[in-house]
Amino acid sequence: MPSHCTSNQPKPIAIIAASIGWGSGFHSAERGPSLLIEAGLADRLQANVIDIQAEPSMADGPLDQCATEQAIMKHASRVSDAVFQAIQEGMFPVVIGGDHTSALGFHSGLARAHGQTGIIWVDTHPDLNTPETSPSGNIHGMVLAGLLGRGSVAMVKTTESCQTRDEHVAMIGIRAADEGEQRWLDEGKIHCMTMDTVRERGLETCMN
């Protein structure tokens, strides 16, 4: 039988700086990745850096709801391309946001390279809102919903490469779910460990 050799050499890291804040509405979120790079993160990790700036930047002035969504989905597609390309070149992609919409590009790009994947969602919020259920209208609270195939036409189109199903999602640390998100969780397919569960069982047990 043929033998297969595997290398113990770690893969080179590709830091994908997803500099966007439109999903959260905070310009400081857009600046976060650049500040981390300037502080020496890439040097410490001996990583390549792929810088993906928001177009337009929040510094250029406000956008209406439709234009905001377009900017986010365009940015997510560019992040997806960067993740896919990094994997194709044998690198380990690390996406640094920005706001939560960075996950749209990360998981979509990962699925393009590897097919169906699971998601471990470590967050205080489920991010399972859609435009119909969101109290705030902030798109960064709709990210996981989009990755699971629910949301606006633009969201679902952007995330169509992601093949993750509800039963492939584990949530850890949830402490605040909106009414619409809770209805989704009550369907019982997503494994949700709340912050109370983490306190009772310990983080290591929950992660295992």
C-alpha atoms as a PDB file:
ATOM      1  CA  MET A   1       0.000   0.000   0.000  1.00  0.00           C
ATOM      2  CA  PRO A   2       1.270   3.517  -0.700  1.00  0.00           C
ATOM      3  CA  SER A   3       2.512   5.456   2.282  1.00  0.00           C
ATOM      4  CA  HIS A   4       1.517   9.042   2.898  1.00  0.00           C
ATOM      5  CA  CYS A   5       3.964  11.329   4.636  1.00  0.00           C
ATOM      6  CA  THR A   6       2.620  14.223   6.635  1.00  0.00           C
ATOM      7  CA  SER A   7       4.767  17.112   7.737  1.00  0.00           C
ATOM      8  CA  ASN A   8       4.809  18.349  11.308  1.00  0.00           C
ATOM      9  CA  GLN A   9       5.916  21.749  10.062  1.00  0.00           C
ATOM     10  CA  PRO A  10       3.294  24.368  10.946  1.00  0.00           C
ATOM     11  CA  LYS A  11       1.715  26.092   8.000  1.00  0.00           C
ATOM     12  CA  PRO A  12       2.671  29.727   7.427  1.00  0.00           C
ATOM     13  CA  ILE A  13      -0.010  32.074   8.740  1.00  0.00           C
ATOM     14  CA  ALA A  14      -1.902  34.496   6.552  1.00  0.00           C
ATOM     15  CA  ILE A  15      -3.474  37.291   8.597  1.00  0.00           C
ATOM     16  CA  ILE A  16      -6.446  38.646   6.677  1.00  0.00           C
ATOM     17  CA  ALA A  17      -7.142  42.083   8.098  1.00  0.00           C
ATOM     18  CA  ALA A  18     -10.851  42.558   7.367  1.00  0.00           C
ATOM     19  CA  SER A  19     -11.114  46.256   8.128  1.00  0.00           C
ATOM     20  CA  ILE A  20     -14.830  46.939   8.198  1.00  0.00           C
ATOM     21  CA  GLY A  21     -17.202  48.544  10.676  1.00  0.00           C
ATOM     22  CA  TRP A  22     -20.352  49.028   8.603  1.00  0.00           C
ATOM     23  CA  GLY A  23     -22.080  46.041  10.203  1.00  0.00           C
ATOM     24  CA  SER A  24     -21.728  47.463  13.699  1.00  0.00           C
ATOM     25  CA  GLY A  25     -21.915  51.147  12.868  1.00  0.00           C
ATOM     26  CA  PHE A  26     -18.621  51.916  14.662  1.00  0.00           C
ATOM     27  CA  HIS A  27     -15.655  53.389  12.808  1.00  0.00           C
ATOM     28  CA  SER A  28     -13.397  52.094  15.601  1.00  0.00           C
ATOM     29  CA  ALA A  29     -14.239  48.543  14.488  1.00  0.00           C
ATOM     30  CA  GLU A  30     -12.994  49.349  10.995  1.00  0.00           C
ATOM     31  CA  ARG A  31      -9.682  50.606  12.420  1.00  0.00           C
ATOM     32  CA  GLY A  32      -9.136  47.627  14.743  1.00  0.00           C
ATOM     33  CA  PRO A  33      -7.231  45.261  12.408  1.00  0.00           C
ATOM     34  CA  SER A  34      -4.814  47.956  11.266  1.00  0.00           C
ATOM     35  CA  LEU A  35      -4.064  48.925  14.866  1.00  0.00           C
ATOM     36  CA  LEU A  36      -3.276  45.301  15.732  1.00  0.00           C
ATOM     37  CA  ILE A  37      -0.944  45.003  12.753  1.00  0.00           C
ATOM     38  CA  GLU A  38       0.762  48.282  13.687  1.00  0.00           C
ATOM     39  CA  ALA A  39       1.204  46.921  17.227  1.00  0.00           C
ATOM     40  CA  GLY A  40       3.299  44.065  15.832  1.00  0.00           C
ATOM     41  CA  LEU A  41       0.873  41.130  15.668  1.00  0.00           C
ATOM     42  CA  ALA A  42       2.061  39.962  12.237  1.00  0.00           C
ATOM     43  CA  ASP A  43       5.698  40.204  13.290  1.00  0.00           C
ATOM     44  CA  ARG A  44       5.040  38.128  16.411  1.00  0.00           C
ATOM     45  CA  LEU A  45       3.341  35.421  14.350  1.00  0.00           C
ATOM     46  CA  GLN A  46       5.762  35.719  11.418  1.00  0.00           C
ATOM     47  CA  ALA A  47       2.658  36.042   9.281  1.00  0.00           C
ATOM     48  CA  ASN A  48       1.861  37.366   5.856  1.00  0.00           C
ATOM     49  CA  VAL A  49      -0.695  40.168   5.887  1.00  0.00           C
ATOM     50  CA  ILE A  50      -3.561  40.593   3.449  1.00  0.00           C
ATOM     51  CA  ASP A  51      -5.181  43.972   4.064  1.00  0.00           C
ATOM     52  CA  ILE A  52      -8.792  44.307   2.930  1.00  0.00           C
ATOM     53  CA  GLN A  53     -10.133  47.789   3.546  1.00  0.00           C
ATOM     54  CA  ALA A  54     -13.818  48.664   3.467  1.00  0.00           C
ATOM     55  CA  GLU A  55     -14.960  50.373   0.276  1.00  0.00           C
ATOM     56  CA  PRO A  56     -16.116  52.991   0.980  1.00  0.00           C
ATOM     57  CA  SER A  57     -14.592  53.637   4.385  1.00  0.00           C
ATOM     58  CA  MET A  58     -16.841  54.828   7.198  1.00  0.00           C
ATOM     59  CA  ALA A  59     -14.566  57.870   7.342  1.00  0.00           C
ATOM     60  CA  ASP A  60     -16.031  58.937   3.987  1.00  0.00           C
ATOM     61  CA  GLY A  61     -19.442  59.550   5.539  1.00  0.00           C
ATOM     62  CA  PRO A  62     -22.699  57.683   6.216  1.00  0.00           C
ATOM     63  CA  LEU A  63     -24.496  55.320   3.825  1.00  0.00           C
ATOM     64  CA  ASP A  64     -28.159  54.436   3.604  1.00  0.00           C
ATOM     65  CA  GLN A  65     -29.288  50.923   4.538  1.00  0.00           C
ATOM     66  CA  CYS A  66     -29.141  49.553   1.000  1.00  0.00           C
ATOM     67  CA  ALA A  67     -25.661  50.935   0.295  1.00  0.00           C
ATOM     68  CA  THR A  68     -24.439  49.693   3.679  1.00  0.00           C
ATOM     69  CA  GLU A  69     -25.534  46.155   2.859  1.00  0.00           C
ATOM     70  CA  GLN A  70     -23.884  46.357  -0.558  1.00  0.00           C
ATOM     71  CA  ALA A  71     -20.598  47.521   0.990  1.00  0.00           C
ATOM     72  CA  ILE A  72     -20.675  44.699   3.548  1.00  0.00           C
ATOM     73  CA  MET A  73     -21.425  41.975   1.004  1.00  0.00           C
ATOM     74  CA  LYS A  74     -18.748  43.244  -1.384  1.00  0.00           C
ATOM     75  CA  HIS A  75     -16.229  43.244   1.452  1.00  0.00           C
ATOM     76  CA  ALA A  76     -17.289  39.740   2.555  1.00  0.00           C
ATOM     77  CA  SER A  77     -16.744  38.434  -0.974  1.00  0.00           C
ATOM     78  CA  ARG A  78     -13.223  39.885  -1.007  1.00  0.00           C
ATOM     79  CA  VAL A  79     -12.484  38.267   2.370  1.00  0.00           C
ATOM     80  CA  SER A  80     -13.830  34.963   1.056  1.00  0.00           C
ATOM     81  CA  ASP A  81     -11.504  35.174  -1.947  1.00  0.00           C
ATOM     82  CA  ALA A  82      -8.537  35.922   0.328  1.00  0.00           C
ATOM     83  CA  VAL A  83      -9.309  32.974   2.623  1.00  0.00           C
ATOM     84  CA  PHE A  84      -9.712  30.612  -0.321  1.00  0.00           C
ATOM     85  CA  GLN A  85      -6.489  31.836  -1.940  1.00  0.00           C
ATOM     86  CA  ALA A  86      -4.513  31.542   1.296  1.00  0.00           C
ATOM     87  CA  ILE A  87      -5.606  27.940   1.744  1.00  0.00           C
ATOM     88  CA  GLN A  88      -4.806  27.143  -1.886  1.00  0.00           C
ATOM     89  CA  GLU A  89      -1.293  28.481  -1.294  1.00  0.00           C
ATOM     90  CA  GLY A  90      -0.804  26.255   1.752  1.00  0.00           C
ATOM     91  CA  MET A  91      -1.261  28.918   4.392  1.00  0.00           C
ATOM     92  CA  PHE A  92      -3.375  28.966   7.561  1.00  0.00           C
ATOM     93  CA  PRO A  93      -5.864  31.861   7.335  1.00  0.00           C
ATOM     94  CA  VAL A  94      -6.542  33.986  10.406  1.00  0.00           C
ATOM     95  CA  VAL A  95      -9.219  36.613   9.845  1.00  0.00           C
ATOM     96  CA  ILE A  96      -9.164  39.667  12.101  1.00  0.00           C
ATOM     97  CA  GLY A  97     -12.162  41.984  12.045  1.00  0.00           C
ATOM     98  CA  GLY A  98     -13.564  44.533  12.002  1.00  0.00           C
ATOM     99  CA  ASP A  99     -17.084  43.715  13.043  1.00  0.00           C
ATOM    100  CA  HIS A 100     -18.858  40.370  13.007  1.00  0.00           C
ATOM    101  CA  THR A 101     -19.561  40.566   9.278  1.00  0.00           C
ATOM    102  CA  SER A 102     -15.948  39.435   8.755  1.00  0.00           C
ATOM    103  CA  ALA A 103     -17.208  35.918   9.550  1.00  0.00           C
ATOM    104  CA  LEU A 104     -19.305  35.948   6.361  1.00  0.00           C
ATOM    105  CA  GLY A 105     -16.165  35.947   4.238  1.00  0.00           C
ATOM    106  CA  PHE A 106     -14.197  33.618   6.492  1.00  0.00           C
ATOM    107  CA  HIS A 107     -16.686  30.751   6.582  1.00  0.00           C
ATOM    108  CA  SER A 108     -17.659  31.158   2.932  1.00  0.00           C
ATOM    109  CA  GLY A 109     -14.018  31.032   1.860  1.00  0.00           C
ATOM    110  CA  LEU A 110     -13.333  28.060   4.137  1.00  0.00           C
ATOM    111  CA  ALA A 111     -16.244  26.156   2.598  1.00  0.00           C
ATOM    112  CA  ARG A 112     -15.016  26.899  -0.925  1.00  0.00           C
ATOM    113  CA  ALA A 113     -11.703  25.268  -0.018  1.00  0.00           C
ATOM    114  CA  HIS A 114     -12.867  22.393   2.188  1.00  0.00           C
ATOM    115  CA  GLY A 115     -16.571  21.831   1.548  1.00  0.00           C
ATOM    116  CA  GLN A 116     -18.990  21.332   4.415  1.00  0.00           C
ATOM    117  CA  THR A 117     -17.619  22.515   7.765  1.00  0.00           C
ATOM    118  CA  GLY A 118     -18.868  22.921  11.310  1.00  0.00           C
ATOM    119  CA  ILE A 119     -18.877  26.188  13.228  1.00  0.00           C
ATOM    120  CA  ILE A 120     -17.994  26.770  16.879  1.00  0.00           C
ATOM    121  CA  TRP A 121     -19.594  30.113  17.743  1.00  0.00           C
ATOM    122  CA  VAL A 122     -18.017  31.683  20.835  1.00  0.00           C
ATOM    123  CA  ASP A 123     -20.034  34.821  21.492  1.00  0.00           C
ATOM    124  CA  THR A 124     -22.483  36.362  23.919  1.00  0.00           C
ATOM    125  CA  HIS A 125     -24.985  36.759  21.048  1.00  0.00           C
ATOM    126  CA  PRO A 126     -26.240  34.122  18.590  1.00  0.00           C
ATOM    127  CA  ASP A 127     -26.228  36.499  15.584  1.00  0.00           C
ATOM    128  CA  LEU A 128     -29.239  34.617  14.226  1.00  0.00           C
ATOM    129  CA  ASN A 129     -31.352  37.649  13.389  1.00  0.00           C
ATOM    130  CA  THR A 130     -32.738  38.401   9.949  1.00  0.00           C
ATOM    131  CA  PRO A 131     -34.029  41.742   8.653  1.00  0.00           C
ATOM    132  CA  GLU A 132     -37.489  40.680   9.813  1.00  0.00           C
ATOM    133  CA  THR A 133     -36.476  39.823  13.398  1.00  0.00           C
ATOM    134  CA  SER A 134     -33.646  42.247  14.194  1.00  0.00           C
ATOM    135  CA  PRO A 135     -34.553  44.963  16.743  1.00  0.00           C
ATOM    136  CA  SER A 136     -31.571  47.121  15.698  1.00  0.00           C
ATOM    137  CA  GLY A 137     -31.211  46.385  11.986  1.00  0.00           C
ATOM    138  CA  ASN A 138     -27.430  45.952  12.434  1.00  0.00           C
ATOM    139  CA  ILE A 139     -26.194  43.410   9.916  1.00  0.00           C
ATOM    140  CA  HIS A 140     -23.449  42.134  12.209  1.00  0.00           C
ATOM    141  CA  GLY A 141     -26.238  40.567  14.289  1.00  0.00           C
ATOM    142  CA  MET A 142     -27.380  38.546  11.251  1.00  0.00           C
ATOM    143  CA  VAL A 143     -24.103  36.854  10.346  1.00  0.00           C
ATOM    144  CA  LEU A 144     -24.701  33.289  11.506  1.00  0.00           C
ATOM    145  CA  ALA A 145     -28.231  33.389  10.118  1.00  0.00           C
ATOM    146  CA  GLY A 146     -26.777  34.243   6.718  1.00  0.00           C
ATOM    147  CA  LEU A 147     -24.208  31.458   6.932  1.00  0.00           C
ATOM    148  CA  LEU A 148     -27.066  29.050   7.659  1.00  0.00           C
ATOM    149  CA  GLY A 149     -29.034  30.251   4.642  1.00  0.00           C
ATOM    150  CA  ARG A 150     -31.495  32.767   6.071  1.00  0.00           C
ATOM    151  CA  GLY A 151     -31.625  36.518   5.524  1.00  0.00           C
ATOM    152  CA  SER A 152     -31.862  39.058   2.741  1.00  0.00           C
ATOM    153  CA  VAL A 153     -31.368  38.116  -0.896  1.00  0.00           C
ATOM    154  CA  ALA A 154     -27.930  39.749  -0.891  1.00  0.00           C
ATOM    155  CA  MET A 155     -26.903  37.965   2.316  1.00  0.00           C
ATOM    156  CA  VAL A 156     -27.948  34.522   1.100  1.00  0.00           C
ATOM    157  CA  LYS A 157     -26.227  35.042  -2.248  1.00  0.00           C
ATOM    158  CA  THR A 158     -22.990  36.097  -0.535  1.00  0.00           C
ATOM    159  CA  THR A 159     -22.972  33.060   1.754  1.00  0.00           C
ATOM    160  CA  GLU A 160     -24.277  30.450  -0.706  1.00  0.00           C
ATOM    161  CA  SER A 161     -20.954  28.573  -0.744  1.00  0.00           C
ATOM    162  CA  CYS A 162     -21.249  27.885   3.008  1.00  0.00           C
ATOM    163  CA  GLN A 163     -22.799  24.427   3.425  1.00  0.00           C
ATOM    164  CA  THR A 164     -22.981  24.393   7.226  1.00  0.00           C
ATOM    165  CA  ARG A 165     -26.264  23.094   8.648  1.00  0.00           C
ATOM    166  CA  ASP A 166     -27.861  23.978  11.974  1.00  0.00           C
ATOM    167  CA  GLU A 167     -26.833  20.657  13.532  1.00  0.00           C
ATOM    168  CA  HIS A 168     -23.182  21.425  12.711  1.00  0.00           C
ATOM    169  CA  VAL A 169     -23.169  24.536  14.924  1.00  0.00           C
ATOM    170  CA  ALA A 170     -22.080  24.634  18.576  1.00  0.00           C
ATOM    171  CA  MET A 171     -22.543  27.877  20.498  1.00  0.00           C
ATOM    172  CA  ILE A 172     -20.580  28.649  23.652  1.00  0.00           C
ATOM    173  CA  GLY A 173     -21.184  31.545  26.041  1.00  0.00           C
ATOM    174  CA  ILE A 174     -24.556  32.821  24.812  1.00  0.00           C
ATOM    175  CA  ARG A 175     -26.193  35.146  27.322  1.00  0.00           C
ATOM    176  CA  ALA A 176     -28.499  37.364  25.256  1.00  0.00           C
ATOM    177  CA  ALA A 177     -30.820  36.186  22.502  1.00  0.00           C
ATOM    178  CA  ASP A 178     -33.480  38.317  20.836  1.00  0.00           C
ATOM    179  CA  GLU A 179     -36.992  36.918  20.490  1.00  0.00           C
ATOM    180  CA  GLY A 180     -36.545  35.821  16.884  1.00  0.00           C
ATOM    181  CA  GLU A 181     -33.175  34.239  17.649  1.00  0.00           C
ATOM    182  CA  GLN A 182     -34.652  32.341  20.578  1.00  0.00           C
ATOM    183  CA  ARG A 183     -37.404  30.920  18.378  1.00  0.00           C
ATOM    184  CA  TRP A 184     -34.690  29.574  16.076  1.00  0.00           C
ATOM    185  CA  LEU A 185     -32.762  28.080  18.991  1.00  0.00           C
ATOM    186  CA  ASP A 186     -35.982  26.502  20.262  1.00  0.00           C
ATOM    187  CA  GLU A 187     -36.098  24.451  17.062  1.00  0.00           C
ATOM    188  CA  GLY A 188     -33.459  22.380  18.845  1.00  0.00           C
ATOM    189  CA  LYS A 189     -30.992  21.713  16.034  1.00  0.00           C
ATOM    190  CA  ILE A 190     -28.268  24.131  17.124  1.00  0.00           C
ATOM    191  CA  HIS A 191     -26.318  22.995  20.199  1.00  0.00           C
ATOM    192  CA  CYS A 192     -26.344  26.105  22.386  1.00  0.00           C
ATOM    193  CA  MET A 193     -24.356  26.277  25.631  1.00  0.00           C
ATOM    194  CA  THR A 194     -25.272  29.449  27.472  1.00  0.00           C
ATOM    195  CA  MET A 195     -23.024  31.449  29.771  1.00  0.00           C
ATOM    196  CA  ASP A 196     -24.796  29.786  32.716  1.00  0.00           C
ATOM    197  CA  THR A 197     -23.740  26.401  31.322  1.00  0.00           C
ATOM    198  CA  VAL A 198     -20.147  27.605  30.994  1.00  0.00           C
ATOM    199  CA  ARG A 199     -20.161  28.762  34.620  1.00  0.00           C
ATOM    200  CA  GLU A 200     -21.650  25.478  35.820  1.00  0.00           C
ATOM    201  CA  ARG A 201     -19.529  23.078  33.762  1.00  0.00           C
ATOM    202  CA  GLY A 202     -16.395  25.113  33.048  1.00  0.00           C
ATOM    203  CA  LEU A 203     -15.090  26.403  29.742  1.00  0.00           C
ATOM    204  CA  GLU A 204     -12.752  23.465  29.132  1.00  0.00           C
ATOM    205  CA  THR A 205     -15.586  20.957  29.480  1.00  0.00           C
ATOM    206  CA  CYS A 206     -17.821  22.946  27.164  1.00  0.00           C
ATOM    207  CA  MET A 207     -15.086  23.268  24.535  1.00  0.00           C
ATOM    208  CA  ASN A 208     -14.409  19.528  24.713  1.00  0.00           C
END
